[in-house]
Amino acid sequence: PGGSLRLSCAASGFTLDYYGIGWFRQAPGKE
């Protein structure tokens, strides 16, 4: 707790220039 992380999302097969990229999360036990 209190720490940091950096997540990466690498795309292949297309360029990100024409897209929106979102981050989602699903907690344990939650739908």
Full PDB file with SEQRES, HELIX, SHEET, SSBOND, CRYST1, ORIGX, SCALE, CONECT and MASTER records, all heavy atoms in Angstrom:
SEQRES   1 A   31  PRO GLY GLY SER LEU ARG LEU SER CYS ALA ALA SER GLY          
SEQRES   2 A   31  PHE THR LEU ASP TYR TYR GLY ILE GLY TRP PHE ARG GLN          
SEQRES   3 A   31  ALA PRO GLY LYS GLU                                          
HELIX    1 AA1 LEU A   16  TYR A   18  5                                   3    
CRYST1    1.000    1.000    1.000  90.00  90.00  90.00 P 1           1          
ORIGX1      1.000000  0.000000  0.000000        0.00000                         
ORIGX2      0.000000  1.000000  0.000000        0.00000                         
ORIGX3      0.000000  0.000000  1.000000        0.00000                         
SCALE1      1.000000  0.000000  0.000000        0.00000                         
SCALE2      0.000000  1.000000  0.000000        0.00000                         
SCALE3      0.000000  0.000000  1.000000        0.00000                         
ATOM      1  N   PRO A   1       0.830  -1.211   0.000  1.00  0.00           N  
ATOM      2  CA  PRO A   1       0.000   0.000   0.000  1.00  0.00           C  
ATOM      3  C   PRO A   1       0.861   1.255   0.000  1.00  0.00           C  
ATOM      4  O   PRO A   1       1.861   1.333   0.711  1.00  0.00           O  
ATOM      5  CB  PRO A   1      -0.801  -0.131   1.302  1.00  0.00           C  
ATOM      6  CG  PRO A   1      -0.890  -1.599   1.529  1.00  0.00           C  
ATOM      7  CD  PRO A   1       0.430  -2.154   1.050  1.00  0.00           C  
ATOM      8  N   GLY A   2       0.456   2.204  -0.823  1.00  0.00           N  
ATOM      9  CA  GLY A   2       1.231   3.420  -0.980  1.00  0.00           C  
ATOM     10  C   GLY A   2       2.255   3.353  -2.089  1.00  0.00           C  
ATOM     11  O   GLY A   2       2.856   4.371  -2.443  1.00  0.00           O  
ATOM     12  N   GLY A   3       2.470   2.174  -2.641  1.00  0.00           N  
ATOM     13  CA  GLY A   3       3.468   1.990  -3.688  1.00  0.00           C  
ATOM     14  C   GLY A   3       2.957   2.349  -5.070  1.00  0.00           C  
ATOM     15  O   GLY A   3       1.819   2.803  -5.237  1.00  0.00           O  
ATOM     16  N   SER A   4       3.811   2.117  -6.056  1.00  0.00           N  
ATOM     17  CA  SER A   4       3.512   2.483  -7.440  1.00  0.00           C  
ATOM     18  C   SER A   4       3.819   1.325  -8.379  1.00  0.00           C  
ATOM     19  O   SER A   4       4.679   0.481  -8.098  1.00  0.00           O  
ATOM     20  CB  SER A   4       4.349   3.693  -7.864  1.00  0.00           C  
ATOM     21  OG  SER A   4       4.060   4.826  -7.079  1.00  0.00           O  
ATOM     22  N   LEU A   5       3.109   1.324  -9.489  1.00  0.00           N  
ATOM     23  CA  LEU A   5       3.368   0.408 -10.597  1.00  0.00           C  
ATOM     24  C   LEU A   5       3.068   1.142 -11.896  1.00  0.00           C  
ATOM     25  O   LEU A   5       2.230   2.053 -11.921  1.00  0.00           O  
ATOM     26  CB  LEU A   5       2.486  -0.838 -10.522  1.00  0.00           C  
ATOM     27  CG  LEU A   5       2.824  -1.949  -9.545  1.00  0.00           C  
ATOM     28  CD1 LEU A   5       1.742  -3.020  -9.580  1.00  0.00           C  
ATOM     29  CD2 LEU A   5       4.181  -2.567  -9.853  1.00  0.00           C  
ATOM     30  N   ARG A   6       3.744   0.710 -12.968  1.00  0.00           N  
ATOM     31  CA  ARG A   6       3.406   1.231 -14.285  1.00  0.00           C  
ATOM     32  C   ARG A   6       3.025   0.059 -15.173  1.00  0.00           C  
ATOM     33  O   ARG A   6       3.840  -0.845 -15.398  1.00  0.00           O  
ATOM     34  CB  ARG A   6       4.568   2.000 -14.907  1.00  0.00           C  
ATOM     35  CG  ARG A   6       4.147   2.708 -16.205  1.00  0.00           C  
ATOM     36  CD  ARG A   6       5.252   3.533 -16.819  1.00  0.00           C  
ATOM     37  NE  ARG A   6       6.203   2.722 -17.559  1.00  0.00           N  
ATOM     38  CZ  ARG A   6       6.987   3.176 -18.518  1.00  0.00           C  
ATOM     39  NH1 ARG A   6       6.921   4.457 -18.877  1.00  0.00           N  
ATOM     40  NH2 ARG A   6       7.856   2.373 -19.124  1.00  0.00           N  
ATOM     41  N   LEU A   7       1.819   0.114 -15.664  1.00  0.00           N  
ATOM     42  CA  LEU A   7       1.341  -0.909 -16.590  1.00  0.00           C  
ATOM     43  C   LEU A   7       1.576  -0.449 -18.025  1.00  0.00           C  
ATOM     44  O   LEU A   7       1.491   0.739 -18.326  1.00  0.00           O  
ATOM     45  CB  LEU A   7      -0.149  -1.175 -16.382  1.00  0.00           C  
ATOM     46  CG  LEU A   7      -0.587  -1.560 -14.978  1.00  0.00           C  
ATOM     47  CD1 LEU A   7      -2.087  -1.869 -14.969  1.00  0.00           C  
ATOM     48  CD2 LEU A   7       0.207  -2.717 -14.434  1.00  0.00           C  
ATOM     49  N   SER A   8       1.846  -1.410 -18.894  1.00  0.00           N  
ATOM     50  CA  SER A   8       2.031  -1.139 -20.317  1.00  0.00           C  
ATOM     51  C   SER A   8       1.003  -1.917 -21.125  1.00  0.00           C  
ATOM     52  O   SER A   8       0.638  -3.036 -20.758  1.00  0.00           O  
ATOM     53  CB  SER A   8       3.437  -1.548 -20.767  1.00  0.00           C  
ATOM     54  OG  SER A   8       4.426  -0.839 -20.068  1.00  0.00           O  
ATOM     55  N   CYS A   9       0.581  -1.318 -22.209  1.00  0.00           N  
ATOM     56  CA  CYS A   9      -0.325  -1.960 -23.156  1.00  0.00           C  
ATOM     57  C   CYS A   9       0.291  -1.788 -24.537  1.00  0.00           C  
ATOM     58  O   CYS A   9       0.234  -0.697 -25.120  1.00  0.00           O  
ATOM     59  CB  CYS A   9      -1.699  -1.328 -23.092  1.00  0.00           C  
ATOM     60  SG  CYS A   9      -2.865  -1.918 -24.357  1.00  0.00           S  
ATOM     61  N   ALA A  10       0.906  -2.851 -25.030  1.00  0.00           N  
ATOM     62  CA  ALA A  10       1.576  -2.803 -26.326  1.00  0.00           C  
ATOM     63  C   ALA A  10       0.642  -3.321 -27.409  1.00  0.00           C  
ATOM     64  O   ALA A  10       0.065  -4.405 -27.279  1.00  0.00           O  
ATOM     65  CB  ALA A  10       2.846  -3.645 -26.284  1.00  0.00           C  
ATOM     66  N   ALA A  11       0.509  -2.529 -28.458  1.00  0.00           N  
ATOM     67  CA  ALA A  11      -0.370  -2.900 -29.564  1.00  0.00           C  
ATOM     68  C   ALA A  11       0.445  -3.427 -30.735  1.00  0.00           C  
ATOM     69  O   ALA A  11       1.526  -2.916 -31.033  1.00  0.00           O  
ATOM     70  CB  ALA A  11      -1.191  -1.706 -30.019  1.00  0.00           C  
ATOM     71  N   SER A  12      -0.081  -4.439 -31.401  1.00  0.00           N  
ATOM     72  CA  SER A  12       0.534  -4.946 -32.624  1.00  0.00           C  
ATOM     73  C   SER A  12      -0.568  -5.246 -33.623  1.00  0.00           C  
ATOM     74  O   SER A  12      -1.709  -5.528 -33.249  1.00  0.00           O  
ATOM     75  CB  SER A  12       1.359  -6.203 -32.343  1.00  0.00           C  
ATOM     76  OG  SER A  12       0.547  -7.230 -31.825  1.00  0.00           O  
ATOM     77  N   GLY A  13      -0.205  -5.157 -34.892  1.00  0.00           N  
ATOM     78  CA  GLY A  13      -1.192  -5.409 -35.938  1.00  0.00           C  
ATOM     79  C   GLY A  13      -2.002  -4.194 -36.313  1.00  0.00           C  
ATOM     80  O   GLY A  13      -2.809  -4.257 -37.256  1.00  0.00           O  
ATOM     81  N   PHE A  14      -1.840  -3.096 -35.582  1.00  0.00           N  
ATOM     82  CA  PHE A  14      -2.535  -1.850 -35.916  1.00  0.00           C  
ATOM     83  C   PHE A  14      -1.794  -0.717 -35.214  1.00  0.00           C  
ATOM     84  O   PHE A  14      -1.064  -0.932 -34.248  1.00  0.00           O  
ATOM     85  CB  PHE A  14      -3.999  -1.876 -35.493  1.00  0.00           C  
ATOM     86  CG  PHE A  14      -4.234  -1.807 -34.007  1.00  0.00           C  
ATOM     87  CD1 PHE A  14      -4.753  -0.663 -33.428  1.00  0.00           C  
ATOM     88  CD2 PHE A  14      -3.946  -2.888 -33.184  1.00  0.00           C  
ATOM     89  CE1 PHE A  14      -4.980  -0.599 -32.062  1.00  0.00           C  
ATOM     90  CE2 PHE A  14      -4.167  -2.832 -31.818  1.00  0.00           C  
ATOM     91  CZ  PHE A  14      -4.687  -1.682 -31.257  1.00  0.00           C  
ATOM     92  N   THR A  15      -2.011   0.498 -35.704  1.00  0.00           N  
ATOM     93  CA  THR A  15      -1.417   1.655 -35.057  1.00  0.00           C  
ATOM     94  C   THR A  15      -2.443   2.309 -34.142  1.00  0.00           C  
ATOM     95  O   THR A  15      -3.624   2.395 -34.465  1.00  0.00           O  
ATOM     96  CB  THR A  15      -0.911   2.667 -36.107  1.00  0.00           C  
ATOM     97  OG1 THR A  15      -0.408   3.807 -35.425  1.00  0.00           O  
ATOM     98  CG2 THR A  15      -2.025   3.102 -37.039  1.00  0.00           C  
ATOM     99  N   LEU A  16      -1.929   2.777 -33.007  1.00  0.00           N  
ATOM    100  CA  LEU A  16      -2.822   3.379 -32.025  1.00  0.00           C  
ATOM    101  C   LEU A  16      -3.339   4.753 -32.437  1.00  0.00           C  
ATOM    102  O   LEU A  16      -4.224   5.300 -31.788  1.00  0.00           O  
ATOM    103  CB  LEU A  16      -2.105   3.503 -30.676  1.00  0.00           C  
ATOM    104  CG  LEU A  16      -1.777   2.192 -29.960  1.00  0.00           C  
ATOM    105  CD1 LEU A  16      -1.012   2.486 -28.682  1.00  0.00           C  
ATOM    106  CD2 LEU A  16      -3.045   1.418 -29.664  1.00  0.00           C  
ATOM    107  N   ASP A  17      -2.783   5.319 -33.501  1.00  0.00           N  
ATOM    108  CA  ASP A  17      -3.079   6.703 -33.856  1.00  0.00           C  
ATOM    109  C   ASP A  17      -4.568   6.982 -34.023  1.00  0.00           C  
ATOM    110  O   ASP A  17      -5.021   8.103 -33.806  1.00  0.00           O  
ATOM    111  CB  ASP A  17      -2.366   7.071 -35.159  1.00  0.00           C  
ATOM    112  CG  ASP A  17      -0.872   7.217 -34.957  1.00  0.00           C  
ATOM    113  OD1 ASP A  17      -0.419   7.088 -33.807  1.00  0.00           O  
ATOM    114  OD2 ASP A  17      -0.164   7.458 -35.939  1.00  0.00           O  
ATOM    115  N   TYR A  18      -5.335   5.968 -34.420  1.00  0.00           N  
ATOM    116  CA  TYR A  18      -6.740   6.206 -34.738  1.00  0.00           C  
ATOM    117  C   TYR A  18      -7.685   5.491 -33.788  1.00  0.00           C  
ATOM    118  O   TYR A  18      -8.816   5.170 -34.151  1.00  0.00           O  
ATOM    119  CB  TYR A  18      -7.009   5.782 -36.193  1.00  0.00           C  
ATOM    120  CG  TYR A  18      -6.078   6.458 -37.148  1.00  0.00           C  
ATOM    121  CD1 TYR A  18      -5.018   5.772 -37.731  1.00  0.00           C  
ATOM    122  CD2 TYR A  18      -6.211   7.810 -37.435  1.00  0.00           C  
ATOM    123  CE1 TYR A  18      -4.134   6.402 -38.588  1.00  0.00           C  
ATOM    124  CE2 TYR A  18      -5.338   8.452 -38.296  1.00  0.00           C  
ATOM    125  CZ  TYR A  18      -4.291   7.739 -38.857  1.00  0.00           C  
ATOM    126  OH  TYR A  18      -3.423   8.368 -39.703  1.00  0.00           O  
ATOM    127  N   TYR A  19      -7.196   5.249 -32.584  1.00  0.00           N  
ATOM    128  CA  TYR A  19      -7.995   4.522 -31.614  1.00  0.00           C  
ATOM    129  C   TYR A  19      -7.983   5.223 -30.260  1.00  0.00           C  
ATOM    130  O   TYR A  19      -7.063   5.975 -29.937  1.00  0.00           O  
ATOM    131  CB  TYR A  19      -7.447   3.100 -31.421  1.00  0.00           C  
ATOM    132  CG  TYR A  19      -7.693   2.195 -32.590  1.00  0.00           C  
ATOM    133  CD1 TYR A  19      -6.864   2.232 -33.701  1.00  0.00           C  
ATOM    134  CD2 TYR A  19      -8.757   1.313 -32.589  1.00  0.00           C  
ATOM    135  CE1 TYR A  19      -7.087   1.404 -34.790  1.00  0.00           C  
ATOM    136  CE2 TYR A  19      -8.990   0.469 -33.665  1.00  0.00           C  
ATOM    137  CZ  TYR A  19      -8.152   0.527 -34.754  1.00  0.00           C  
ATOM    138  OH  TYR A  19      -8.378  -0.302 -35.817  1.00  0.00           O  
ATOM    139  N   GLY A  20      -9.024   4.943 -29.489  1.00  0.00           N  
ATOM    140  CA  GLY A  20      -8.976   5.227 -28.070  1.00  0.00           C  
ATOM    141  C   GLY A  20      -8.547   3.952 -27.359  1.00  0.00           C  
ATOM    142  O   GLY A  20      -8.939   2.846 -27.755  1.00  0.00           O  
ATOM    143  N   ILE A  21      -7.722   4.113 -26.332  1.00  0.00           N  
ATOM    144  CA  ILE A  21      -7.261   2.964 -25.556  1.00  0.00           C  
ATOM    145  C   ILE A  21      -7.680   3.174 -24.109  1.00  0.00           C  
ATOM    146  O   ILE A  21      -7.385   4.199 -23.505  1.00  0.00           O  
ATOM    147  CB  ILE A  21      -5.737   2.800 -25.624  1.00  0.00           C  
ATOM    148  CG1 ILE A  21      -5.303   2.588 -27.081  1.00  0.00           C  
ATOM    149  CG2 ILE A  21      -5.297   1.630 -24.751  1.00  0.00           C  
ATOM    150  CD1 ILE A  21      -5.826   1.319 -27.711  1.00  0.00           C  
ATOM    151  N   GLY A  22      -8.384   2.193 -23.588  1.00  0.00           N  
ATOM    152  CA  GLY A  22      -8.871   2.282 -22.221  1.00  0.00           C  
ATOM    153  C   GLY A  22      -8.257   1.227 -21.328  1.00  0.00           C  
ATOM    154  O   GLY A  22      -7.828   0.171 -21.798  1.00  0.00           O  
ATOM    155  N   TRP A  23      -8.193   1.550 -20.051  1.00  0.00           N  
ATOM    156  CA  TRP A  23      -7.796   0.590 -19.025  1.00  0.00           C  
ATOM    157  C   TRP A  23      -9.035   0.277 -18.185  1.00  0.00           C  
ATOM    158  O   TRP A  23      -9.740   1.198 -17.740  1.00  0.00           O  
ATOM    159  CB  TRP A  23      -6.696   1.146 -18.136  1.00  0.00           C  
ATOM    160  CG  TRP A  23      -5.350   1.152 -18.764  1.00  0.00           C  
ATOM    161  CD1 TRP A  23      -4.726   2.195 -19.376  1.00  0.00           C  
ATOM    162  CD2 TRP A  23      -4.437   0.054 -18.827  1.00  0.00           C  
ATOM    163  NE1 TRP A  23      -3.492   1.812 -19.826  1.00  0.00           N  
ATOM    164  CE2 TRP A  23      -3.277   0.507 -19.495  1.00  0.00           C  
ATOM    165  CE3 TRP A  23      -4.480  -1.270 -18.382  1.00  0.00           C  
ATOM    166  CZ2 TRP A  23      -2.181  -0.322 -19.739  1.00  0.00           C  
ATOM    167  CZ3 TRP A  23      -3.390  -2.085 -18.618  1.00  0.00           C  
ATOM    168  CH2 TRP A  23      -2.259  -1.613 -19.294  1.00  0.00           C  
ATOM    169  N   PHE A  24      -9.249  -1.007 -17.965  1.00  0.00           N  
ATOM    170  CA  PHE A  24     -10.344  -1.494 -17.143  1.00  0.00           C  
ATOM    171  C   PHE A  24      -9.763  -2.402 -16.070  1.00  0.00           C  
ATOM    172  O   PHE A  24      -8.658  -2.915 -16.224  1.00  0.00           O  
ATOM    173  CB  PHE A  24     -11.351  -2.286 -17.995  1.00  0.00           C  
ATOM    174  CG  PHE A  24     -12.115  -1.437 -18.969  1.00  0.00           C  
ATOM    175  CD1 PHE A  24     -11.517  -0.991 -20.132  1.00  0.00           C  
ATOM    176  CD2 PHE A  24     -13.435  -1.095 -18.728  1.00  0.00           C  
ATOM    177  CE1 PHE A  24     -12.213  -0.206 -21.052  1.00  0.00           C  
ATOM    178  CE2 PHE A  24     -14.147  -0.320 -19.636  1.00  0.00           C  
ATOM    179  CZ  PHE A  24     -13.525   0.131 -20.789  1.00  0.00           C  
ATOM    180  N   ARG A  25     -10.528  -2.608 -15.019  1.00  0.00           N  
ATOM    181  CA  ARG A  25     -10.074  -3.550 -13.996  1.00  0.00           C  
ATOM    182  C   ARG A  25     -11.253  -4.358 -13.464  1.00  0.00           C  
ATOM    183  O   ARG A  25     -12.382  -3.868 -13.427  1.00  0.00           O  
ATOM    184  CB  ARG A  25      -9.367  -2.821 -12.855  1.00  0.00           C  
ATOM    185  CG  ARG A  25     -10.241  -1.884 -12.036  1.00  0.00           C  
ATOM    186  CD  ARG A  25      -9.389  -1.132 -11.030  1.00  0.00           C  
ATOM    187  NE  ARG A  25     -10.180  -0.230 -10.202  1.00  0.00           N  
ATOM    188  CZ  ARG A  25      -9.658   0.617  -9.314  1.00  0.00           C  
ATOM    189  NH1 ARG A  25      -8.330   0.669  -9.145  1.00  0.00           N  
ATOM    190  NH2 ARG A  25     -10.451   1.393  -8.586  1.00  0.00           N  
ATOM    191  N   GLN A  26     -10.925  -5.580 -13.076  1.00  0.00           N  
ATOM    192  CA  GLN A  26     -11.925  -6.481 -12.522  1.00  0.00           C  
ATOM    193  C   GLN A  26     -11.376  -7.025 -11.216  1.00  0.00           C  
ATOM    194  O   GLN A  26     -10.380  -7.767 -11.208  1.00  0.00           O  
ATOM    195  CB  GLN A  26     -12.238  -7.605 -13.501  1.00  0.00           C  
ATOM    196  CG  GLN A  26     -13.416  -8.468 -13.097  1.00  0.00           C  
ATOM    197  CD  GLN A  26     -13.904  -9.339 -14.244  1.00  0.00           C  
ATOM    198  OE1 GLN A  26     -13.315  -9.371 -15.330  1.00  0.00           O  
ATOM    199  NE2 GLN A  26     -14.994 -10.051 -14.026  1.00  0.00           N  
ATOM    200  N   ALA A  27     -12.006  -6.635 -10.128  1.00  0.00           N  
ATOM    201  CA  ALA A  27     -11.545  -7.045  -8.815  1.00  0.00           C  
ATOM    202  C   ALA A  27     -11.916  -8.505  -8.551  1.00  0.00           C  
ATOM    203  O   ALA A  27     -12.884  -9.019  -9.122  1.00  0.00           O  
ATOM    204  CB  ALA A  27     -12.160  -6.148  -7.749  1.00  0.00           C  
ATOM    205  N   PRO A  28     -11.174  -9.177  -7.668  1.00  0.00           N  
ATOM    206  CA  PRO A  28     -11.462 -10.573  -7.357  1.00  0.00           C  
ATOM    207  C   PRO A  28     -12.892 -10.750  -6.864  1.00  0.00           C  
ATOM    208  O   PRO A  28     -13.354  -9.996  -5.995  1.00  0.00           O  
ATOM    209  CB  PRO A  28     -10.458 -10.919  -6.259  1.00  0.00           C  
ATOM    210  CG  PRO A  28      -9.362  -9.941  -6.433  1.00  0.00           C  
ATOM    211  CD  PRO A  28      -9.983  -8.689  -6.949  1.00  0.00           C  
ATOM    212  N   GLY A  29     -13.599 -11.726  -7.417  1.00  0.00           N  
ATOM    213  CA  GLY A  29     -14.945 -12.014  -6.982  1.00  0.00           C  
ATOM    214  C   GLY A  29     -16.007 -11.089  -7.529  1.00  0.00           C  
ATOM    215  O   GLY A  29     -17.194 -11.250  -7.209  1.00  0.00           O  
ATOM    216  N   LYS A  30     -15.620 -10.116  -8.328  1.00  0.00           N  
ATOM    217  CA  LYS A  30     -16.602  -9.183  -8.882  1.00  0.00           C  
ATOM    218  C   LYS A  30     -16.787  -9.443 -10.370  1.00  0.00           C  
ATOM    219  O   LYS A  30     -15.833  -9.748 -11.081  1.00  0.00           O  
ATOM    220  CB  LYS A  30     -16.164  -7.734  -8.657  1.00  0.00           C  
ATOM    221  CG  LYS A  30     -16.218  -7.306  -7.192  1.00  0.00           C  
ATOM    222  CD  LYS A  30     -16.080  -5.813  -7.072  1.00  0.00           C  
ATOM    223  CE  LYS A  30     -16.251  -5.364  -5.632  1.00  0.00           C  
ATOM    224  NZ  LYS A  30     -16.150  -3.879  -5.483  1.00  0.00           N  
ATOM    225  N   GLU A  31     -18.017  -9.297 -10.815  1.00  0.00           N  
ATOM    226  CA  GLU A  31     -18.305  -9.502 -12.227  1.00  0.00           C  
ATOM    227  C   GLU A  31     -18.075  -8.249 -13.045  1.00  0.00           C  
ATOM    228  O   GLU A  31     -17.758  -8.316 -14.228  1.00  0.00           O  
ATOM    229  CB  GLU A  31     -19.750  -9.969 -12.403  1.00  0.00           C  
ATOM    230  CG  GLU A  31     -20.034 -11.358 -11.854  1.00  0.00           C  
ATOM    231  CD  GLU A  31     -21.412 -11.847 -12.216  1.00  0.00           C  
ATOM    232  OE1 GLU A  31     -22.123 -11.143 -12.955  1.00  0.00           O  
ATOM    233  OE2 GLU A  31     -21.791 -12.941 -11.750  1.00  0.00           O  
TER     234      GLU A  31                                                      
MASTER        0    0    0    1    0    0    0    6  233    1    0    3          
END                                                                             
